[in-house]
Every structure is written in structure tokens, then in C-alpha cells.
Amino acid sequence: DWVVKLIDVYRAEVAGEPALGGYQLPVAMAILRGRYREDLGVAKPVKPDTPLTYRFALPTTNHVFLPGHRIMVQVQSAWFPLYDRNPQKFVPNIFFAKPEDYQKATERVYHAAGKASFVELPVVSPSASR
């Protein structure tokens, strides 16, 4: 599984609201089961140690990153208990996975030339909203 979160990180210090300094506000989140990376209707095993492309379309949201805020992208491999566990072994139906099907997995996010991961965000100019 891959979970991607877009987060608004507040300034280190927020005038009048010290508790909000550095606060991380989740803006949009999505999860994708690796087995459905090409087609949500067809499960396909993931080959170990092979870079693959995963495309995420985060839900549309109206959010403005204020001056001084930072954009954080979190990538993680699980979202349990909000989303069920993935056995990490290809089985026909994960709802019938046996205890021995659950195994450790290692995921990699590449940043080497030719294999770089990236995030593409639409940017709207301030004048476009008027």
C-alpha cells in the first residue's frame, strides 16, 4: 500500500496562538493498494526490487497555503487502523489472508537521476480568484 498526504505546515511561531507553531494540517490524503496500481479492477503482483510508477490523484480541496507556511508531502506504506492491513504477500483476496501471508515489506521512494519521484501540484495565481 502507498499512502500520500499533502500537509500545510504552519510557521514555527504563530502570533497569539503559540500552540499552533509548526502545526501540521492535513489538507488531502489518498491511499493506493500496490496490487491495483494499473487498474482498480485487476489485481497484479508487485515485483520486488523493481521501480514502478504510482500515480495519485489527491481529492480536490480549496486550500490556500499562507505566506510563511510550508508544503509537506508524507509518503507511507500503511494507514492502519484507518485502513485495513496489507499482508504484503500477493494473495487472491486479502480478506482471506492467513497469518503466514503477513510479512515485512520494504518500500522505496527513489530520488536518483532517471528514477526521481516527484509531486505535481496545480498553482493558482492570486489574481485568478478575482
N, C-alpha and C. Protein backbone atom coordinates (compact mmCIF):
# COMPACT_ATOMS: atom_id res chain seq x y z
N ASP A 1 0.84 -1.19 0.00
CA ASP A 1 0.00 0.00 0.00
C ASP A 1 0.88 1.24 0.00
N TRP A 2 0.35 2.28 -0.59
CA TRP A 2 1.00 3.59 -0.54
C TRP A 2 -0.03 4.61 -0.08
N VAL A 3 0.38 5.42 0.87
CA VAL A 3 -0.45 6.49 1.38
C VAL A 3 0.30 7.79 1.11
N VAL A 4 -0.39 8.76 0.53
CA VAL A 4 0.22 10.07 0.27
C VAL A 4 -0.64 11.12 0.96
N LYS A 5 0.04 12.00 1.69
CA LYS A 5 -0.66 13.07 2.41
C LYS A 5 -0.04 14.42 2.04
N LEU A 6 -0.89 15.37 1.72
CA LEU A 6 -0.47 16.75 1.49
C LEU A 6 -0.79 17.52 2.76
N ILE A 7 0.22 18.18 3.32
CA ILE A 7 0.08 18.81 4.64
C ILE A 7 0.54 20.26 4.59
N ASP A 8 -0.22 21.12 5.24
CA ASP A 8 0.14 22.54 5.40
C ASP A 8 0.85 22.67 6.74
N VAL A 9 2.12 23.05 6.70
CA VAL A 9 2.90 23.22 7.94
C VAL A 9 2.93 24.71 8.28
N TYR A 10 2.35 25.02 9.43
CA TYR A 10 2.29 26.42 9.87
C TYR A 10 3.68 26.95 10.20
N ARG A 11 3.77 28.27 10.27
CA ARG A 11 5.03 28.92 10.70
C ARG A 11 5.45 28.38 12.06
N ALA A 12 6.72 28.48 12.36
CA ALA A 12 7.24 27.99 13.65
C ALA A 12 6.59 28.74 14.81
N GLU A 13 6.28 30.01 14.58
CA GLU A 13 5.63 30.81 15.63
C GLU A 13 4.41 31.49 15.03
N VAL A 14 3.28 31.34 15.71
CA VAL A 14 2.03 31.95 15.25
C VAL A 14 1.62 32.98 16.31
N ALA A 15 1.58 34.25 15.91
CA ALA A 15 1.25 35.32 16.84
C ALA A 15 -0.12 35.08 17.48
N GLY A 16 -0.15 35.14 18.80
CA GLY A 16 -1.40 34.98 19.53
C GLY A 16 -1.86 33.53 19.68
N GLU A 17 -1.22 32.61 19.02
CA GLU A 17 -1.59 31.19 19.08
C GLU A 17 -0.33 30.33 19.16
N PRO A 18 0.42 30.42 20.25
CA PRO A 18 1.69 29.68 20.32
C PRO A 18 1.53 28.17 20.13
N ALA A 19 0.39 27.61 20.48
CA ALA A 19 0.19 26.16 20.33
C ALA A 19 0.15 25.74 18.86
N LEU A 20 -0.12 26.69 17.96
CA LEU A 20 -0.19 26.37 16.53
C LEU A 20 1.17 26.45 15.83
N GLY A 21 2.21 26.86 16.52
CA GLY A 21 3.53 26.95 15.92
C GLY A 21 3.99 25.60 15.39
N GLY A 22 4.24 25.51 14.08
CA GLY A 22 4.69 24.27 13.46
C GLY A 22 3.60 23.24 13.26
N TYR A 23 2.35 23.63 13.52
CA TYR A 23 1.23 22.69 13.38
C TYR A 23 1.18 22.12 11.96
N GLN A 24 0.85 20.85 11.85
CA GLN A 24 0.76 20.18 10.56
C GLN A 24 -0.71 19.87 10.27
N LEU A 25 -1.29 20.62 9.34
CA LEU A 25 -2.70 20.48 9.00
C LEU A 25 -2.85 19.59 7.76
N PRO A 26 -3.46 18.40 7.90
CA PRO A 26 -3.69 17.56 6.73
C PRO A 26 -4.67 18.26 5.77
N VAL A 27 -4.28 18.36 4.51
CA VAL A 27 -5.09 19.04 3.51
C VAL A 27 -5.78 18.02 2.60
N ALA A 28 -5.04 17.03 2.15
CA ALA A 28 -5.60 15.99 1.27
C ALA A 28 -4.81 14.70 1.48
N MET A 29 -5.51 13.57 1.39
CA MET A 29 -4.87 12.27 1.60
C MET A 29 -5.46 11.25 0.65
N ALA A 30 -4.64 10.28 0.25
CA ALA A 30 -5.12 9.20 -0.61
C ALA A 30 -4.32 7.94 -0.33
N ILE A 31 -4.94 6.80 -0.59
CA ILE A 31 -4.27 5.51 -0.43
C ILE A 31 -4.46 4.70 -1.70
N LEU A 32 -3.43 3.96 -2.07
CA LEU A 32 -3.50 3.11 -3.25
C LEU A 32 -2.86 1.77 -2.93
N ARG A 33 -3.61 0.72 -3.10
CA ARG A 33 -3.07 -0.63 -2.95
C ARG A 33 -2.17 -0.91 -4.14
N GLY A 34 -0.95 -1.34 -3.87
CA GLY A 34 0.00 -1.61 -4.94
C GLY A 34 -0.53 -2.58 -5.99
N ARG A 35 -1.31 -3.54 -5.57
CA ARG A 35 -1.84 -4.55 -6.49
C ARG A 35 -2.80 -3.94 -7.52
N TYR A 36 -3.34 -2.75 -7.24
CA TYR A 36 -4.27 -2.09 -8.16
C TYR A 36 -3.66 -0.84 -8.79
N ARG A 37 -2.34 -0.79 -8.88
CA ARG A 37 -1.65 0.40 -9.38
C ARG A 37 -1.96 0.70 -10.84
N GLU A 38 -2.28 -0.32 -11.64
CA GLU A 38 -2.54 -0.12 -13.07
C GLU A 38 -4.03 -0.08 -13.40
N ASP A 39 -4.82 -0.82 -12.62
CA ASP A 39 -6.25 -0.92 -12.89
C ASP A 39 -6.95 -1.29 -11.58
N LEU A 40 -7.89 -0.48 -11.16
CA LEU A 40 -8.58 -0.74 -9.89
C LEU A 40 -9.42 -2.01 -9.92
N GLY A 41 -9.64 -2.57 -11.10
CA GLY A 41 -10.43 -3.79 -11.21
C GLY A 41 -9.61 -5.05 -11.38
N VAL A 42 -8.29 -4.90 -11.56
CA VAL A 42 -7.43 -6.06 -11.81
C VAL A 42 -6.25 -6.05 -10.84
N ALA A 43 -6.20 -7.06 -9.98
CA ALA A 43 -5.08 -7.19 -9.04
C ALA A 43 -3.87 -7.77 -9.77
N LYS A 44 -2.71 -7.14 -9.56
CA LYS A 44 -1.48 -7.59 -10.21
C LYS A 44 -0.35 -7.56 -9.18
N PRO A 45 0.43 -8.63 -9.07
CA PRO A 45 1.51 -8.65 -8.06
C PRO A 45 2.55 -7.56 -8.32
N VAL A 46 3.20 -7.15 -7.27
CA VAL A 46 4.30 -6.18 -7.35
C VAL A 46 5.60 -6.98 -7.37
N LYS A 47 6.44 -6.72 -8.38
CA LYS A 47 7.72 -7.41 -8.46
C LYS A 47 8.70 -6.76 -7.49
N PRO A 48 9.33 -7.54 -6.62
CA PRO A 48 10.29 -6.98 -5.67
C PRO A 48 11.48 -6.32 -6.38
N ASP A 49 12.01 -5.27 -5.76
CA ASP A 49 13.21 -4.57 -6.23
C ASP A 49 13.08 -4.04 -7.66
N THR A 50 11.88 -3.69 -8.06
CA THR A 50 11.64 -3.14 -9.39
C THR A 50 10.94 -1.80 -9.24
N PRO A 51 11.57 -0.70 -9.68
CA PRO A 51 10.90 0.60 -9.59
C PRO A 51 9.62 0.60 -10.42
N LEU A 52 8.55 1.06 -9.83
CA LEU A 52 7.26 1.13 -10.50
C LEU A 52 6.69 2.53 -10.37
N THR A 53 5.81 2.87 -11.27
CA THR A 53 5.16 4.18 -11.22
C THR A 53 3.81 4.04 -10.52
N TYR A 54 3.59 4.92 -9.57
CA TYR A 54 2.30 5.01 -8.88
C TYR A 54 1.80 6.43 -9.07
N ARG A 55 0.59 6.57 -9.55
CA ARG A 55 0.02 7.90 -9.75
C ARG A 55 -1.13 8.10 -8.77
N PHE A 56 -1.04 9.19 -8.05
CA PHE A 56 -2.07 9.53 -7.07
C PHE A 56 -2.79 10.78 -7.51
N ALA A 57 -4.08 10.76 -7.40
CA ALA A 57 -4.87 11.96 -7.61
C ALA A 57 -5.51 12.26 -6.26
N LEU A 58 -4.93 13.21 -5.56
CA LEU A 58 -5.48 13.56 -4.26
C LEU A 58 -6.83 14.26 -4.45
N PRO A 59 -7.72 14.11 -3.49
CA PRO A 59 -9.02 14.77 -3.62
C PRO A 59 -8.87 16.28 -3.78
N THR A 60 -9.70 16.85 -4.60
CA THR A 60 -9.68 18.30 -4.81
C THR A 60 -10.10 18.99 -3.52
N THR A 61 -9.40 20.06 -3.20
CA THR A 61 -9.73 20.81 -2.00
C THR A 61 -9.44 22.29 -2.24
N ASN A 62 -10.20 23.13 -1.61
CA ASN A 62 -9.94 24.57 -1.66
C ASN A 62 -9.09 24.91 -0.46
N HIS A 63 -7.82 25.14 -0.70
CA HIS A 63 -6.92 25.45 0.41
C HIS A 63 -5.87 26.43 -0.08
N VAL A 64 -5.57 27.40 0.74
CA VAL A 64 -4.53 28.38 0.44
C VAL A 64 -3.40 28.19 1.44
N PHE A 65 -2.20 28.00 0.94
CA PHE A 65 -1.02 27.95 1.80
C PHE A 65 -0.59 29.39 2.05
N LEU A 66 -0.74 29.84 3.27
CA LEU A 66 -0.45 31.23 3.60
C LEU A 66 1.04 31.51 3.57
N PRO A 67 1.41 32.79 3.41
CA PRO A 67 2.83 33.14 3.41
C PRO A 67 3.52 32.63 4.68
N GLY A 68 4.69 32.06 4.51
CA GLY A 68 5.44 31.54 5.65
C GLY A 68 5.12 30.09 5.97
N HIS A 69 4.05 29.57 5.41
CA HIS A 69 3.71 28.15 5.60
C HIS A 69 4.54 27.31 4.63
N ARG A 70 4.70 26.04 4.96
CA ARG A 70 5.44 25.13 4.09
C ARG A 70 4.52 24.00 3.64
N ILE A 71 4.85 23.44 2.50
CA ILE A 71 4.11 22.29 1.98
C ILE A 71 4.90 21.04 2.34
N MET A 72 4.22 20.11 3.00
CA MET A 72 4.85 18.82 3.34
C MET A 72 4.10 17.72 2.60
N VAL A 73 4.85 16.79 2.04
CA VAL A 73 4.25 15.60 1.44
C VAL A 73 4.76 14.41 2.23
N GLN A 74 3.85 13.66 2.81
CA GLN A 74 4.22 12.44 3.54
C GLN A 74 3.86 11.24 2.67
N VAL A 75 4.79 10.31 2.58
CA VAL A 75 4.55 9.06 1.87
C VAL A 75 4.80 7.95 2.87
N GLN A 76 3.83 7.08 3.03
CA GLN A 76 3.97 5.98 3.98
C GLN A 76 3.35 4.73 3.38
N SER A 77 3.61 3.60 4.01
CA SER A 77 3.16 2.33 3.43
C SER A 77 1.95 1.73 4.13
N ALA A 78 1.47 2.34 5.16
CA ALA A 78 0.30 1.79 5.86
C ALA A 78 -0.47 2.94 6.50
N TRP A 79 -1.75 2.66 6.75
CA TRP A 79 -2.59 3.66 7.39
C TRP A 79 -3.50 2.96 8.40
N PHE A 80 -2.96 1.90 8.98
CA PHE A 80 -3.70 1.11 9.96
C PHE A 80 -3.78 1.88 11.26
N PRO A 81 -4.89 1.96 11.93
CA PRO A 81 -6.13 1.21 11.75
C PRO A 81 -7.18 1.91 10.88
N LEU A 82 -6.84 3.04 10.25
CA LEU A 82 -7.84 3.70 9.41
C LEU A 82 -8.14 2.91 8.14
N TYR A 83 -7.18 2.13 7.71
CA TYR A 83 -7.32 1.30 6.52
C TYR A 83 -6.79 -0.07 6.86
N ASP A 84 -7.41 -1.11 6.35
CA ASP A 84 -7.01 -2.47 6.74
C ASP A 84 -5.55 -2.79 6.40
N ARG A 85 -5.00 -3.76 7.11
CA ARG A 85 -3.61 -4.16 6.88
C ARG A 85 -3.47 -4.88 5.54
N ASN A 86 -2.30 -4.72 4.94
CA ASN A 86 -1.97 -5.41 3.71
C ASN A 86 -1.05 -6.56 4.07
N PRO A 87 -1.33 -7.79 3.62
CA PRO A 87 -0.47 -8.90 4.02
C PRO A 87 0.94 -8.81 3.43
N GLN A 88 1.16 -8.01 2.40
CA GLN A 88 2.45 -7.84 1.74
C GLN A 88 2.86 -9.07 0.94
N LYS A 89 2.03 -10.06 0.89
CA LYS A 89 2.23 -11.23 0.03
C LYS A 89 1.01 -11.26 -0.89
N PHE A 90 1.25 -11.47 -2.18
CA PHE A 90 0.13 -11.47 -3.12
C PHE A 90 -0.75 -12.69 -2.88
N VAL A 91 -1.97 -12.44 -2.51
CA VAL A 91 -2.98 -13.49 -2.32
C VAL A 91 -4.20 -13.06 -3.13
N PRO A 92 -5.00 -14.01 -3.60
CA PRO A 92 -6.15 -13.65 -4.45
C PRO A 92 -7.10 -12.64 -3.79
N ASN A 93 -7.33 -12.79 -2.50
CA ASN A 93 -8.24 -11.89 -1.79
C ASN A 93 -7.66 -11.64 -0.40
N ILE A 94 -7.28 -10.40 -0.12
CA ILE A 94 -6.61 -10.13 1.17
C ILE A 94 -7.52 -10.36 2.36
N PHE A 95 -8.82 -10.37 2.15
CA PHE A 95 -9.73 -10.61 3.27
C PHE A 95 -9.68 -12.06 3.76
N PHE A 96 -9.07 -12.92 2.95
CA PHE A 96 -8.90 -14.31 3.34
C PHE A 96 -7.43 -14.65 3.58
N ALA A 97 -6.61 -13.63 3.77
CA ALA A 97 -5.18 -13.87 4.02
C ALA A 97 -5.00 -14.62 5.34
N LYS A 98 -4.03 -15.51 5.33
CA LYS A 98 -3.71 -16.29 6.53
C LYS A 98 -2.62 -15.57 7.31
N PRO A 99 -2.46 -15.88 8.58
CA PRO A 99 -1.41 -15.22 9.37
C PRO A 99 -0.03 -15.28 8.72
N GLU A 100 0.30 -16.40 8.08
CA GLU A 100 1.63 -16.52 7.46
C GLU A 100 1.78 -15.67 6.19
N ASP A 101 0.67 -15.14 5.66
CA ASP A 101 0.74 -14.25 4.50
C ASP A 101 1.22 -12.85 4.88
N TYR A 102 1.09 -12.52 6.14
CA TYR A 102 1.52 -11.20 6.60
C TYR A 102 3.02 -11.23 6.84
N GLN A 103 3.73 -10.40 6.08
CA GLN A 103 5.19 -10.39 6.18
C GLN A 103 5.71 -8.96 6.06
N LYS A 104 6.94 -8.80 6.43
CA LYS A 104 7.59 -7.50 6.38
C LYS A 104 7.82 -7.10 4.91
N ALA A 105 7.69 -5.82 4.63
CA ALA A 105 7.94 -5.31 3.28
C ALA A 105 8.81 -4.06 3.38
N THR A 106 9.58 -3.83 2.35
CA THR A 106 10.40 -2.63 2.27
C THR A 106 9.98 -1.85 1.03
N GLU A 107 9.58 -0.60 1.22
CA GLU A 107 9.21 0.27 0.11
C GLU A 107 10.29 1.32 -0.07
N ARG A 108 10.48 1.74 -1.31
CA ARG A 108 11.49 2.76 -1.59
C ARG A 108 10.85 3.88 -2.41
N VAL A 109 11.22 5.09 -2.07
CA VAL A 109 10.86 6.26 -2.86
C VAL A 109 12.16 6.73 -3.48
N TYR A 110 12.25 6.67 -4.80
CA TYR A 110 13.51 6.96 -5.49
C TYR A 110 13.73 8.45 -5.69
N HIS A 111 14.99 8.82 -5.67
CA HIS A 111 15.36 10.20 -5.94
C HIS A 111 16.62 10.28 -6.80
N ALA A 112 17.00 9.18 -7.42
CA ALA A 112 18.17 9.15 -8.30
C ALA A 112 17.79 9.68 -9.68
N ALA A 113 18.79 10.16 -10.40
CA ALA A 113 18.55 10.66 -11.75
C ALA A 113 17.90 9.57 -12.59
N GLY A 114 16.87 9.93 -13.31
CA GLY A 114 16.17 8.98 -14.15
C GLY A 114 15.10 8.18 -13.42
N LYS A 115 15.12 8.20 -12.08
CA LYS A 115 14.13 7.46 -11.29
C LYS A 115 13.53 8.36 -10.21
N ALA A 116 13.67 9.64 -10.40
CA ALA A 116 13.25 10.57 -9.36
C ALA A 116 11.73 10.55 -9.15
N SER A 117 11.34 10.54 -7.90
CA SER A 117 9.93 10.69 -7.54
C SER A 117 9.61 12.18 -7.57
N PHE A 118 8.37 12.52 -7.84
CA PHE A 118 8.02 13.93 -7.84
C PHE A 118 6.56 14.12 -7.50
N VAL A 119 6.25 15.34 -7.13
CA VAL A 119 4.88 15.73 -6.83
C VAL A 119 4.55 16.90 -7.74
N GLU A 120 3.42 16.82 -8.40
CA GLU A 120 2.98 17.89 -9.28
C GLU A 120 1.74 18.52 -8.67
N LEU A 121 1.82 19.79 -8.35
CA LEU A 121 0.70 20.50 -7.74
C LEU A 121 0.26 21.64 -8.63
N PRO A 122 -1.05 21.81 -8.79
CA PRO A 122 -1.52 22.98 -9.54
C PRO A 122 -1.34 24.23 -8.68
N VAL A 123 -0.95 25.31 -9.31
CA VAL A 123 -0.78 26.57 -8.59
C VAL A 123 -1.67 27.61 -9.26
N VAL A 124 -2.46 28.27 -8.45
CA VAL A 124 -3.36 29.30 -8.96
C VAL A 124 -2.82 30.65 -8.51
N SER A 125 -2.67 31.56 -9.46
CA SER A 125 -2.17 32.88 -9.09
C SER A 125 -3.24 33.64 -8.31
N PRO A 126 -2.82 34.53 -7.41
CA PRO A 126 -3.80 35.29 -6.61
C PRO A 126 -4.80 36.06 -7.47
N SER A 127 -4.37 36.54 -8.63
CA SER A 127 -5.27 37.32 -9.48
C SER A 127 -6.35 36.45 -10.13
N ALA A 128 -6.14 35.14 -10.21
CA ALA A 128 -7.11 34.25 -10.85
C ALA A 128 -8.39 34.11 -10.04
N SER A 129 -8.32 34.38 -8.75
CA SER A 129 -9.51 34.21 -7.90
C SER A 129 -10.38 35.45 -7.84
N ARG A 130 -10.01 36.47 -8.56
CA ARG A 130 -10.79 37.72 -8.51
C ARG A 130 -11.73 37.86 -9.65
